[in-house]
N, C-alpha and C. Protein backbone atom coordinates (compact mmCIF):
# COMPACT_ATOMS: atom_id res chain seq x y z
N MET A 1 64.68 -60.87 -70.84
CA MET A 1 63.50 -60.21 -70.35
C MET A 1 63.23 -60.63 -68.91
N ALA A 2 62.87 -59.68 -68.08
CA ALA A 2 62.63 -59.95 -66.66
C ALA A 2 61.32 -60.70 -66.47
N LYS A 3 61.30 -61.54 -65.45
CA LYS A 3 60.08 -62.28 -65.13
C LYS A 3 59.05 -61.32 -64.55
N GLN A 4 57.78 -61.61 -64.78
CA GLN A 4 56.71 -60.78 -64.25
C GLN A 4 56.27 -61.33 -62.90
N ILE A 5 56.35 -60.49 -61.87
CA ILE A 5 55.96 -60.91 -60.51
C ILE A 5 54.45 -61.00 -60.42
N SER A 6 53.97 -62.16 -59.94
CA SER A 6 52.53 -62.34 -59.75
C SER A 6 52.10 -61.95 -58.35
N GLY A 7 52.98 -62.15 -57.36
CA GLY A 7 52.62 -61.78 -55.99
C GLY A 7 53.62 -62.27 -54.97
N PHE A 8 53.26 -62.07 -53.68
CA PHE A 8 54.11 -62.45 -52.57
C PHE A 8 53.30 -63.29 -51.58
N ILE A 9 53.99 -64.18 -50.90
CA ILE A 9 53.38 -64.97 -49.83
C ILE A 9 54.29 -64.81 -48.61
N LYS A 10 53.72 -64.43 -47.47
CA LYS A 10 54.48 -64.31 -46.23
C LYS A 10 54.06 -65.44 -45.30
N LEU A 11 55.03 -66.21 -44.85
CA LEU A 11 54.77 -67.34 -43.96
C LEU A 11 55.80 -67.37 -42.84
N GLN A 12 55.49 -68.11 -41.78
CA GLN A 12 56.46 -68.40 -40.74
C GLN A 12 56.59 -69.91 -40.67
N VAL A 13 57.81 -70.41 -40.93
CA VAL A 13 58.05 -71.84 -41.02
C VAL A 13 59.21 -72.19 -40.09
N LYS A 14 59.16 -73.36 -39.45
CA LYS A 14 60.27 -73.79 -38.61
C LYS A 14 61.45 -74.18 -39.48
N GLY A 15 62.63 -73.73 -39.10
CA GLY A 15 63.85 -73.98 -39.86
C GLY A 15 64.14 -75.46 -40.02
N GLY A 16 64.44 -75.87 -41.25
CA GLY A 16 64.79 -77.25 -41.55
C GLY A 16 63.62 -78.22 -41.45
N ALA A 17 62.39 -77.70 -41.26
CA ALA A 17 61.24 -78.59 -41.06
C ALA A 17 60.06 -78.25 -41.97
N ALA A 18 60.33 -77.70 -43.13
CA ALA A 18 59.24 -77.40 -44.06
C ALA A 18 58.73 -78.70 -44.67
N ASN A 19 57.41 -78.88 -44.64
CA ASN A 19 56.80 -80.04 -45.29
C ASN A 19 55.50 -79.60 -45.95
N PRO A 20 54.97 -80.39 -46.87
CA PRO A 20 53.81 -79.94 -47.65
C PRO A 20 52.48 -79.92 -46.91
N SER A 21 52.48 -80.20 -45.61
CA SER A 21 51.22 -80.17 -44.86
C SER A 21 50.80 -78.72 -44.60
N PRO A 22 49.55 -78.51 -44.18
CA PRO A 22 49.11 -77.14 -43.89
C PRO A 22 49.98 -76.53 -42.79
N PRO A 23 50.21 -75.25 -42.81
CA PRO A 23 49.67 -74.21 -43.69
C PRO A 23 50.48 -74.01 -44.98
N LEU A 24 51.63 -74.64 -45.08
CA LEU A 24 52.52 -74.41 -46.23
C LEU A 24 51.94 -74.94 -47.54
N GLY A 25 51.47 -76.16 -47.55
CA GLY A 25 50.95 -76.79 -48.77
C GLY A 25 49.83 -76.01 -49.42
N PRO A 26 48.75 -75.70 -48.69
CA PRO A 26 47.65 -74.93 -49.30
C PRO A 26 48.06 -73.53 -49.77
N ALA A 27 48.95 -72.88 -49.01
CA ALA A 27 49.37 -71.53 -49.39
C ALA A 27 50.12 -71.53 -50.72
N LEU A 28 51.00 -72.52 -50.91
CA LEU A 28 51.77 -72.59 -52.16
C LEU A 28 50.97 -73.25 -53.28
N GLY A 29 50.21 -74.28 -52.94
CA GLY A 29 49.44 -75.02 -53.94
C GLY A 29 48.37 -74.16 -54.59
N SER A 30 47.76 -73.26 -53.82
CA SER A 30 46.71 -72.40 -54.39
C SER A 30 47.27 -71.43 -55.43
N LYS A 31 48.57 -71.18 -55.38
CA LYS A 31 49.21 -70.31 -56.37
C LYS A 31 49.83 -71.11 -57.51
N GLY A 32 49.75 -72.43 -57.43
CA GLY A 32 50.29 -73.29 -58.48
C GLY A 32 51.78 -73.49 -58.41
N LEU A 33 52.38 -73.32 -57.24
CA LEU A 33 53.83 -73.46 -57.09
C LEU A 33 54.19 -74.89 -56.72
N ASN A 34 55.42 -75.28 -57.02
CA ASN A 34 55.91 -76.62 -56.71
C ASN A 34 56.25 -76.67 -55.21
N ILE A 35 55.40 -77.32 -54.44
CA ILE A 35 55.54 -77.33 -52.98
C ILE A 35 56.80 -78.08 -52.55
N MET A 36 57.06 -79.23 -53.14
CA MET A 36 58.23 -80.03 -52.74
C MET A 36 59.54 -79.33 -53.08
N GLU A 37 59.56 -78.62 -54.20
CA GLU A 37 60.78 -77.88 -54.57
C GLU A 37 61.07 -76.79 -53.53
N PHE A 38 60.02 -76.08 -53.10
CA PHE A 38 60.21 -75.06 -52.07
C PHE A 38 60.70 -75.70 -50.77
N CYS A 39 60.09 -76.81 -50.36
CA CYS A 39 60.48 -77.48 -49.13
C CYS A 39 61.95 -77.89 -49.16
N LYS A 40 62.40 -78.45 -50.28
CA LYS A 40 63.80 -78.87 -50.42
C LYS A 40 64.74 -77.67 -50.30
N GLN A 41 64.43 -76.59 -51.03
CA GLN A 41 65.29 -75.40 -51.01
C GLN A 41 65.30 -74.75 -49.62
N PHE A 42 64.12 -74.62 -49.00
CA PHE A 42 64.02 -73.99 -47.69
C PHE A 42 64.77 -74.80 -46.64
N ASN A 43 64.55 -76.11 -46.63
CA ASN A 43 65.23 -76.96 -45.64
C ASN A 43 66.74 -76.95 -45.85
N GLY A 44 67.18 -76.86 -47.10
CA GLY A 44 68.61 -76.77 -47.38
C GLY A 44 69.22 -75.48 -46.85
N ARG A 45 68.51 -74.37 -47.00
CA ARG A 45 69.03 -73.07 -46.54
C ARG A 45 68.97 -72.91 -45.03
N THR A 46 68.04 -73.60 -44.38
CA THR A 46 67.82 -73.38 -42.95
C THR A 46 68.21 -74.56 -42.08
N GLN A 47 69.01 -75.49 -42.60
CA GLN A 47 69.38 -76.66 -41.81
C GLN A 47 70.26 -76.30 -40.61
N ASP A 48 70.89 -75.12 -40.62
CA ASP A 48 71.70 -74.68 -39.49
C ASP A 48 70.87 -74.04 -38.38
N GLN A 49 69.56 -73.86 -38.59
CA GLN A 49 68.66 -73.28 -37.59
C GLN A 49 67.46 -74.20 -37.34
N PRO A 50 67.69 -75.43 -36.91
CA PRO A 50 66.57 -76.37 -36.76
C PRO A 50 65.61 -75.96 -35.66
N GLY A 51 64.31 -76.02 -35.96
CA GLY A 51 63.28 -75.75 -34.97
C GLY A 51 62.96 -74.30 -34.71
N LYS A 52 63.79 -73.37 -35.18
CA LYS A 52 63.51 -71.95 -34.96
C LYS A 52 62.46 -71.48 -35.95
N VAL A 53 61.53 -70.66 -35.48
CA VAL A 53 60.50 -70.10 -36.35
C VAL A 53 61.15 -69.00 -37.19
N LEU A 54 61.07 -69.14 -38.51
CA LEU A 54 61.70 -68.18 -39.43
C LEU A 54 60.66 -67.60 -40.38
N PRO A 55 60.53 -66.28 -40.41
CA PRO A 55 59.65 -65.66 -41.41
C PRO A 55 60.28 -65.83 -42.80
N VAL A 56 59.45 -66.10 -43.78
CA VAL A 56 59.93 -66.25 -45.15
C VAL A 56 58.98 -65.49 -46.07
N ILE A 57 59.55 -64.75 -47.01
CA ILE A 57 58.75 -64.03 -48.00
C ILE A 57 59.03 -64.67 -49.36
N ILE A 58 57.98 -65.24 -49.94
CA ILE A 58 58.10 -65.94 -51.22
C ILE A 58 57.57 -65.02 -52.32
N THR A 59 58.41 -64.77 -53.32
CA THR A 59 57.99 -64.00 -54.49
C THR A 59 57.72 -65.01 -55.59
N TYR A 60 56.50 -65.03 -56.09
CA TYR A 60 56.20 -65.97 -57.17
C TYR A 60 55.89 -65.22 -58.46
N TYR A 61 56.29 -65.86 -59.56
CA TYR A 61 56.22 -65.23 -60.88
C TYR A 61 55.13 -65.87 -61.74
N SER A 62 54.81 -65.23 -62.85
CA SER A 62 53.73 -65.69 -63.72
C SER A 62 54.03 -67.06 -64.35
N ASP A 63 55.32 -67.43 -64.46
CA ASP A 63 55.65 -68.74 -65.04
C ASP A 63 55.73 -69.84 -63.97
N LYS A 64 55.16 -69.58 -62.76
CA LYS A 64 55.08 -70.52 -61.64
C LYS A 64 56.42 -70.79 -60.98
N SER A 65 57.44 -70.00 -61.27
CA SER A 65 58.71 -70.12 -60.56
C SER A 65 58.64 -69.20 -59.33
N PHE A 66 59.62 -69.33 -58.45
CA PHE A 66 59.59 -68.53 -57.22
C PHE A 66 61.00 -68.27 -56.70
N ASP A 67 61.12 -67.25 -55.88
CA ASP A 67 62.32 -66.93 -55.10
C ASP A 67 61.83 -66.70 -53.69
N PHE A 68 62.72 -66.86 -52.72
CA PHE A 68 62.29 -66.54 -51.35
C PHE A 68 63.44 -65.98 -50.53
N ILE A 69 63.05 -65.18 -49.54
CA ILE A 69 64.00 -64.56 -48.62
C ILE A 69 63.66 -65.06 -47.22
N VAL A 70 64.67 -65.59 -46.53
CA VAL A 70 64.48 -66.04 -45.15
C VAL A 70 64.98 -64.93 -44.24
N LYS A 71 64.13 -64.51 -43.30
CA LYS A 71 64.49 -63.44 -42.37
C LYS A 71 64.91 -64.03 -41.03
N THR A 72 65.34 -63.16 -40.11
CA THR A 72 65.74 -63.62 -38.78
C THR A 72 64.50 -63.91 -37.94
N PRO A 73 64.62 -64.77 -36.92
CA PRO A 73 63.46 -65.11 -36.09
C PRO A 73 62.82 -63.87 -35.47
N PRO A 74 61.50 -63.89 -35.24
CA PRO A 74 60.83 -62.75 -34.64
C PRO A 74 61.40 -62.42 -33.25
N VAL A 75 61.32 -61.14 -32.87
CA VAL A 75 61.84 -60.69 -31.58
C VAL A 75 61.17 -61.44 -30.44
N ALA A 76 59.85 -61.64 -30.52
CA ALA A 76 59.13 -62.33 -29.45
C ALA A 76 59.67 -63.74 -29.24
N VAL A 77 59.98 -64.44 -30.33
CA VAL A 77 60.52 -65.80 -30.23
C VAL A 77 61.91 -65.77 -29.59
N GLN A 78 62.74 -64.80 -29.97
CA GLN A 78 64.07 -64.69 -29.39
C GLN A 78 64.00 -64.34 -27.90
N LEU A 79 63.06 -63.46 -27.53
CA LEU A 79 62.89 -63.11 -26.11
C LEU A 79 62.47 -64.32 -25.29
N MET A 80 61.53 -65.11 -25.80
CA MET A 80 61.09 -66.30 -25.08
C MET A 80 62.22 -67.31 -24.94
N GLU A 81 63.07 -67.41 -25.97
CA GLU A 81 64.21 -68.32 -25.93
C GLU A 81 65.20 -67.90 -24.84
N ILE A 82 65.53 -66.61 -24.78
CA ILE A 82 66.49 -66.11 -23.81
C ILE A 82 65.94 -66.21 -22.38
N ALA A 83 64.66 -65.84 -22.20
CA ALA A 83 64.05 -65.87 -20.86
C ALA A 83 63.57 -67.26 -20.47
N LYS A 84 63.73 -68.24 -21.37
CA LYS A 84 63.32 -69.64 -21.14
C LYS A 84 61.84 -69.73 -20.77
N LEU A 85 60.99 -69.15 -21.63
CA LEU A 85 59.55 -69.14 -21.43
C LEU A 85 58.86 -69.90 -22.54
N LYS A 86 57.66 -70.40 -22.26
CA LYS A 86 56.86 -71.06 -23.30
C LYS A 86 55.99 -70.06 -24.04
N LYS A 87 55.48 -69.04 -23.30
CA LYS A 87 54.66 -68.01 -23.92
C LYS A 87 54.71 -66.75 -23.07
N GLY A 88 54.19 -65.66 -23.62
CA GLY A 88 54.17 -64.39 -22.91
C GLY A 88 53.10 -64.38 -21.82
N SER A 89 53.11 -63.33 -21.01
CA SER A 89 52.16 -63.19 -19.91
C SER A 89 50.77 -62.88 -20.45
N ALA A 90 49.74 -63.45 -19.78
CA ALA A 90 48.37 -63.16 -20.16
C ALA A 90 47.99 -61.74 -19.76
N GLU A 91 48.59 -61.23 -18.67
CA GLU A 91 48.36 -59.86 -18.21
C GLU A 91 49.72 -59.18 -18.03
N PRO A 92 50.34 -58.73 -19.11
CA PRO A 92 51.71 -58.19 -19.03
C PRO A 92 51.83 -56.95 -18.16
N ASN A 93 50.74 -56.19 -17.99
CA ASN A 93 50.83 -54.99 -17.16
C ASN A 93 50.81 -55.33 -15.67
N ARG A 94 50.32 -56.52 -15.29
CA ARG A 94 50.23 -56.90 -13.88
C ARG A 94 51.17 -58.06 -13.52
N VAL A 95 51.23 -59.05 -14.38
CA VAL A 95 51.99 -60.27 -14.07
C VAL A 95 53.27 -60.30 -14.91
N LYS A 96 54.40 -60.15 -14.24
CA LYS A 96 55.70 -60.23 -14.92
C LYS A 96 56.19 -61.68 -14.81
N ILE A 97 56.60 -62.24 -15.95
CA ILE A 97 56.92 -63.68 -15.96
C ILE A 97 58.39 -64.00 -16.20
N GLY A 98 59.19 -62.98 -16.54
CA GLY A 98 60.59 -63.25 -16.81
C GLY A 98 61.40 -61.99 -16.74
N SER A 99 62.71 -62.16 -16.84
CA SER A 99 63.61 -61.02 -16.79
C SER A 99 64.81 -61.27 -17.70
N ILE A 100 65.25 -60.22 -18.37
CA ILE A 100 66.45 -60.28 -19.20
C ILE A 100 67.29 -59.04 -18.91
N THR A 101 68.50 -58.98 -19.44
CA THR A 101 69.39 -57.84 -19.21
C THR A 101 69.45 -56.96 -20.46
N TRP A 102 69.98 -55.76 -20.29
CA TRP A 102 70.12 -54.86 -21.44
C TRP A 102 71.13 -55.39 -22.46
N ASP A 103 72.12 -56.17 -22.00
CA ASP A 103 73.07 -56.77 -22.94
C ASP A 103 72.36 -57.76 -23.86
N GLN A 104 71.41 -58.51 -23.30
CA GLN A 104 70.65 -59.46 -24.11
C GLN A 104 69.74 -58.71 -25.09
N VAL A 105 69.15 -57.60 -24.63
CA VAL A 105 68.33 -56.77 -25.53
C VAL A 105 69.18 -56.26 -26.68
N LYS A 106 70.41 -55.82 -26.38
CA LYS A 106 71.30 -55.31 -27.42
C LYS A 106 71.67 -56.40 -28.43
N SER A 107 71.91 -57.63 -27.95
CA SER A 107 72.27 -58.72 -28.87
C SER A 107 71.11 -59.06 -29.80
N ILE A 108 69.87 -59.03 -29.27
CA ILE A 108 68.70 -59.28 -30.12
C ILE A 108 68.55 -58.15 -31.14
N ALA A 109 68.72 -56.91 -30.69
CA ALA A 109 68.58 -55.75 -31.59
C ALA A 109 69.62 -55.80 -32.71
N GLU A 110 70.84 -56.20 -32.38
CA GLU A 110 71.89 -56.29 -33.41
C GLU A 110 71.57 -57.39 -34.41
N ALA A 111 71.03 -58.51 -33.93
CA ALA A 111 70.68 -59.62 -34.83
C ALA A 111 69.51 -59.24 -35.75
N LYS A 112 68.55 -58.47 -35.23
CA LYS A 112 67.35 -58.10 -36.00
C LYS A 112 67.51 -56.81 -36.80
N MET A 113 68.63 -56.14 -36.67
CA MET A 113 68.82 -54.81 -37.27
C MET A 113 68.47 -54.78 -38.76
N THR A 114 68.78 -55.82 -39.50
CA THR A 114 68.51 -55.82 -40.94
C THR A 114 67.02 -55.86 -41.25
N ASP A 115 66.22 -56.45 -40.34
CA ASP A 115 64.78 -56.58 -40.58
C ASP A 115 63.95 -55.48 -39.93
N LEU A 116 64.55 -54.75 -38.97
CA LEU A 116 63.80 -53.72 -38.26
C LEU A 116 63.76 -52.41 -39.03
N ASN A 117 62.78 -51.61 -38.67
CA ASN A 117 62.60 -50.30 -39.27
C ASN A 117 63.31 -49.26 -38.40
N ALA A 118 64.63 -49.43 -38.22
CA ALA A 118 65.40 -48.55 -37.34
C ALA A 118 66.76 -48.25 -37.97
N PHE A 119 67.25 -47.02 -37.70
CA PHE A 119 68.55 -46.62 -38.24
C PHE A 119 69.67 -46.76 -37.22
N THR A 120 69.36 -46.64 -35.93
CA THR A 120 70.39 -46.74 -34.91
C THR A 120 70.13 -47.95 -34.02
N ILE A 121 71.19 -48.40 -33.34
CA ILE A 121 71.04 -49.55 -32.45
C ILE A 121 70.18 -49.18 -31.25
N GLU A 122 70.20 -47.91 -30.82
CA GLU A 122 69.38 -47.48 -29.69
C GLU A 122 67.89 -47.59 -30.02
N SER A 123 67.51 -47.18 -31.22
CA SER A 123 66.09 -47.27 -31.59
C SER A 123 65.67 -48.73 -31.75
N ALA A 124 66.56 -49.57 -32.25
CA ALA A 124 66.26 -51.00 -32.35
C ALA A 124 66.11 -51.61 -30.97
N MET A 125 66.97 -51.20 -30.03
CA MET A 125 66.87 -51.69 -28.65
C MET A 125 65.56 -51.25 -28.01
N SER A 126 65.12 -50.04 -28.34
CA SER A 126 63.86 -49.53 -27.81
C SER A 126 62.69 -50.38 -28.32
N MET A 127 62.74 -50.78 -29.60
CA MET A 127 61.69 -51.65 -30.15
C MET A 127 61.67 -53.01 -29.46
N VAL A 128 62.85 -53.58 -29.24
CA VAL A 128 62.94 -54.89 -28.58
C VAL A 128 62.44 -54.77 -27.13
N ALA A 129 62.81 -53.67 -26.46
CA ALA A 129 62.36 -53.45 -25.08
C ALA A 129 60.84 -53.31 -25.02
N GLY A 130 60.24 -52.67 -26.00
CA GLY A 130 58.79 -52.54 -26.06
C GLY A 130 58.10 -53.88 -26.24
N THR A 131 58.68 -54.73 -27.06
CA THR A 131 58.13 -56.08 -27.25
C THR A 131 58.23 -56.87 -25.95
N ALA A 132 59.38 -56.75 -25.28
CA ALA A 132 59.56 -57.45 -24.00
C ALA A 132 58.52 -56.98 -22.99
N ARG A 133 58.30 -55.68 -22.94
CA ARG A 133 57.32 -55.12 -21.99
C ARG A 133 55.92 -55.65 -22.28
N SER A 134 55.56 -55.73 -23.56
CA SER A 134 54.22 -56.20 -23.92
C SER A 134 54.05 -57.70 -23.70
N MET A 135 55.15 -58.41 -23.44
CA MET A 135 55.09 -59.84 -23.15
C MET A 135 55.16 -60.13 -21.66
N GLY A 136 55.36 -59.08 -20.84
CA GLY A 136 55.48 -59.28 -19.40
C GLY A 136 56.88 -59.65 -18.97
N ILE A 137 57.89 -59.25 -19.74
CA ILE A 137 59.28 -59.52 -19.40
C ILE A 137 59.92 -58.22 -18.93
N THR A 138 60.54 -58.25 -17.76
CA THR A 138 61.22 -57.06 -17.25
C THR A 138 62.66 -57.05 -17.74
N ILE A 139 63.23 -55.85 -17.83
CA ILE A 139 64.63 -55.72 -18.25
C ILE A 139 65.40 -55.15 -17.08
N SER A 140 66.36 -55.92 -16.59
CA SER A 140 67.12 -55.51 -15.41
C SER A 140 68.34 -54.69 -15.82
N GLY A 141 68.72 -53.78 -14.92
CA GLY A 141 69.88 -52.94 -15.18
C GLY A 141 69.47 -51.53 -15.56
N VAL A 142 70.46 -50.70 -15.85
CA VAL A 142 70.22 -49.31 -16.24
C VAL A 142 70.15 -49.23 -17.75
N SER A 143 69.11 -48.54 -18.24
CA SER A 143 68.92 -48.42 -19.68
C SER A 143 70.02 -47.61 -20.34
N PRO A 144 70.66 -48.14 -21.37
CA PRO A 144 71.68 -47.38 -22.10
C PRO A 144 71.08 -46.48 -23.17
N ILE A 145 69.76 -46.50 -23.31
CA ILE A 145 69.09 -45.71 -24.35
C ILE A 145 68.98 -44.27 -23.89
N LYS A 146 69.47 -43.34 -24.72
CA LYS A 146 69.38 -41.92 -24.40
C LYS A 146 67.96 -41.44 -24.63
N LYS A 147 67.47 -40.61 -23.73
CA LYS A 147 66.09 -40.12 -23.87
C LYS A 147 66.05 -38.69 -24.27
């Protein structure tokens, strides 16, 4: 007999660094889940990505067991990593704070393709370019996206 799903929890946790302190502990503890078991499993799966912010979707069941899916890092985090920035621009329409190339946009789009709501690499690149624009990052070169 299949387990009955009680709900989902969406969190962003640094890879290989899950610990029972807030926000993770209260989010899992309020649902009655074993916090240390999740931390052990998560850290084991993400030890190859230390320090990267990783979205995780936890499915918890009525018998207090759980499963989780680790997704790829958010586009904004990847853009800041490539452009070597600490945060996005406070006024992205006026103050540009970094620059990346279309090849870098394509590499991010290919990495995020499984998590994005896009069917083609061009549409995924367009989404990544939009995120870059809203962060005050310019994209140098000629756009390969067909209009």
